[in-house]
Structures are given as structure tokens and as C-alpha cells.
Amino acid sequence: MTMRRLYAGPGGAARFEDWKPDLWPDVPEPGELSVSTPLRATGSLVVRAPAGGGHPEQPEAGRRLMVVLSGECEVTASGETVIGRPGDLLLVEDTIGSGHSSRTDTGFEALMIILD
């Protein structure tokens, strides 16, 4: 599983970075869980793209947390491409600037969590 953040950098160019939410406690005791700070959400959708689907470069309409459920999705931003596979998370925050494009050879399904 990978966790990445997609954001608008200087000049509006979309960029990727590894994303690891802070968890507390760092090392849980047996029977405990480490938890992150909540991400406020307003809803969630299951989305499906067919094989050969995708979209041109564009900023995202709002902040989203994408969780790939099945298939693969390629996301390209400023010439860098990452591949989302089942279990991968992408925090999408490039709501201004040039945005990103996506495509899929296999088709994919994802849980899209709409963030505040």
C-alpha cells in the first residue's frame, strides 16, 4: 500500500509527495490502535472507470481521498506518473493550477471520499 498526496505547488504545477498521516500513539500497546487526526468528509462515492478510460489534465473540483479498490489507475502531474493499485491511497488537493490527468488500461474501481 502506498499513500501519496497530489497538490498544487509553486506556480500552480501539480506535484506528488509521499503522504504518511501522523498516528498517535507512535507504537500502540497490544489491544490498542494508533489513530490519525480525522479528515473531515462530507460524503463518499464508489467510482468505476472502464478499460481505456481517463481524463485530460485538469485541477480537481475539491479535496478528495481516493482509495483504489480494484484495477489500476495512472495519474500524471507535471510529467510524473504514479500508478494506483488496490489498497493505495491518494490525497488529491490540486484544486488550482494545471491539475493532473488520469488513464487506465485495465479499468478500476475506487472509493472517493469528498473532503471539506
Protein backbone atom coordinates (compact mmCIF):
# COMPACT_ATOMS: atom_id res chain seq x y z
CA MET A 1 0.00 0.00 0.00
CA THR A 2 1.26 3.45 -0.87
CA MET A 3 -0.06 6.76 0.38
CA ARG A 4 0.59 9.84 -1.73
CA ARG A 5 -0.54 13.45 -1.77
CA LEU A 6 -1.21 15.36 -5.02
CA TYR A 7 -1.09 19.12 -4.55
CA ALA A 8 -0.59 22.38 -6.46
CA GLY A 9 2.99 23.56 -5.95
CA PRO A 10 4.63 26.88 -6.80
CA GLY A 11 3.20 28.38 -9.98
CA GLY A 12 0.23 26.00 -9.88
CA ALA A 13 2.17 22.94 -11.09
CA ALA A 14 0.71 19.74 -9.67
CA ARG A 15 3.16 17.63 -7.65
CA PHE A 16 3.19 14.29 -5.85
CA GLU A 17 4.71 13.59 -2.45
CA ASP A 18 4.67 10.60 -0.15
CA TRP A 19 1.99 11.08 2.48
CA LYS A 20 2.01 9.49 5.88
CA PRO A 21 -0.56 10.79 8.33
CA ASP A 22 0.70 11.29 11.88
CA LEU A 23 -0.55 8.48 14.10
CA TRP A 24 -0.90 8.50 17.87
CA PRO A 25 0.45 6.71 19.74
CA ASP A 26 3.51 6.02 17.59
CA VAL A 27 3.71 2.47 18.91
CA PRO A 28 0.42 1.13 20.25
CA GLU A 29 0.22 -1.39 23.06
CA PRO A 30 -1.27 -4.82 22.31
CA GLY A 31 -5.02 -4.38 22.01
CA GLU A 32 -4.70 -0.67 21.06
CA LEU A 33 -4.82 1.11 17.72
CA SER A 34 -2.81 4.08 16.51
CA VAL A 35 -5.12 6.71 15.02
CA SER A 36 -4.65 9.81 12.86
CA THR A 37 -6.25 13.19 13.13
CA PRO A 38 -9.65 12.95 11.41
CA LEU A 39 -10.08 14.22 7.86
CA ARG A 40 -13.48 15.94 7.72
CA ALA A 41 -15.63 14.46 4.97
CA THR A 42 -19.00 15.37 3.52
CA GLY A 43 -19.68 12.18 1.59
CA SER A 44 -18.29 9.26 -0.31
CA LEU A 45 -18.86 7.64 -3.70
CA VAL A 46 -17.80 4.42 -5.33
CA VAL A 47 -16.49 5.27 -8.81
CA ARG A 48 -15.73 2.99 -11.74
CA ALA A 49 -13.74 3.72 -14.91
CA PRO A 50 -13.75 1.35 -17.88
CA ALA A 51 -10.59 -0.02 -19.50
CA GLY A 52 -9.21 2.71 -21.73
CA GLY A 53 -10.89 5.47 -19.71
CA GLY A 54 -9.33 8.63 -18.31
CA HIS A 55 -9.47 12.40 -18.32
CA PRO A 56 -7.27 15.22 -19.66
CA GLU A 57 -5.16 17.48 -17.45
CA GLN A 58 -7.39 19.47 -15.09
CA PRO A 59 -7.47 20.54 -11.45
CA GLU A 60 -9.73 18.59 -9.09
CA ALA A 61 -13.08 20.21 -8.21
CA GLY A 62 -12.41 19.79 -4.48
CA ARG A 63 -10.27 17.88 -2.00
CA ARG A 64 -10.69 14.11 -2.29
CA LEU A 65 -9.23 10.99 -0.73
CA MET A 66 -9.15 8.19 -3.28
CA VAL A 67 -8.85 4.55 -2.18
CA VAL A 68 -8.24 2.15 -5.08
CA LEU A 69 -10.41 -0.95 -4.67
CA SER A 70 -9.64 -2.87 -7.87
CA GLY A 71 -7.75 -2.47 -11.14
CA GLU A 72 -5.09 0.17 -11.79
CA CYS A 73 -5.17 3.89 -12.48
CA GLU A 74 -2.30 6.02 -13.79
CA VAL A 75 -2.26 9.63 -12.59
CA THR A 76 0.14 12.10 -14.22
CA ALA A 77 1.10 15.50 -12.83
CA SER A 78 3.88 17.74 -14.20
CA GLY A 79 5.35 14.82 -16.16
CA GLU A 80 5.47 12.40 -13.19
CA THR A 81 3.20 9.34 -13.28
CA VAL A 82 2.12 7.20 -10.35
CA ILE A 83 0.09 4.01 -10.58
CA GLY A 84 -2.67 3.40 -8.06
CA ARG A 85 -3.31 -0.24 -7.20
CA PRO A 86 -5.77 -1.90 -4.79
CA GLY A 87 -5.24 -0.56 -1.28
CA ASP A 88 -3.38 2.58 -2.39
CA LEU A 89 -4.47 6.00 -1.12
CA LEU A 90 -4.17 9.30 -2.96
CA LEU A 91 -4.98 12.54 -1.15
CA VAL A 92 -5.98 14.81 -4.05
CA GLU A 93 -5.55 18.52 -3.27
CA ASP A 94 -4.58 20.07 -6.64
CA THR A 95 -7.70 22.24 -6.80
CA ILE A 96 -5.92 25.12 -8.59
CA GLY A 97 -3.29 25.35 -11.31
CA SER A 98 -2.61 22.94 -14.14
CA GLY A 99 -4.03 19.87 -12.41
CA HIS A 100 -3.45 16.25 -13.34
CA SER A 101 -4.59 13.72 -15.93
CA SER A 102 -5.52 10.08 -15.47
CA ARG A 103 -5.89 6.96 -17.56
CA THR A 104 -6.46 3.26 -17.06
CA ASP A 105 -5.66 0.33 -19.30
CA THR A 106 -7.44 -2.19 -17.04
CA GLY A 107 -10.32 -0.17 -15.66
CA PHE A 108 -10.60 0.46 -11.93
CA GLU A 109 -12.97 0.96 -9.04
CA ALA A 110 -12.22 3.35 -6.18
CA LEU A 111 -13.81 4.80 -3.08
CA MET A 112 -13.84 8.60 -3.46
CA ILE A 113 -14.17 10.36 -0.11
CA ILE A 114 -15.21 14.01 -0.52
CA LEU A 115 -13.31 16.13 1.99
CA ASP A 116 -14.17 19.55 3.45
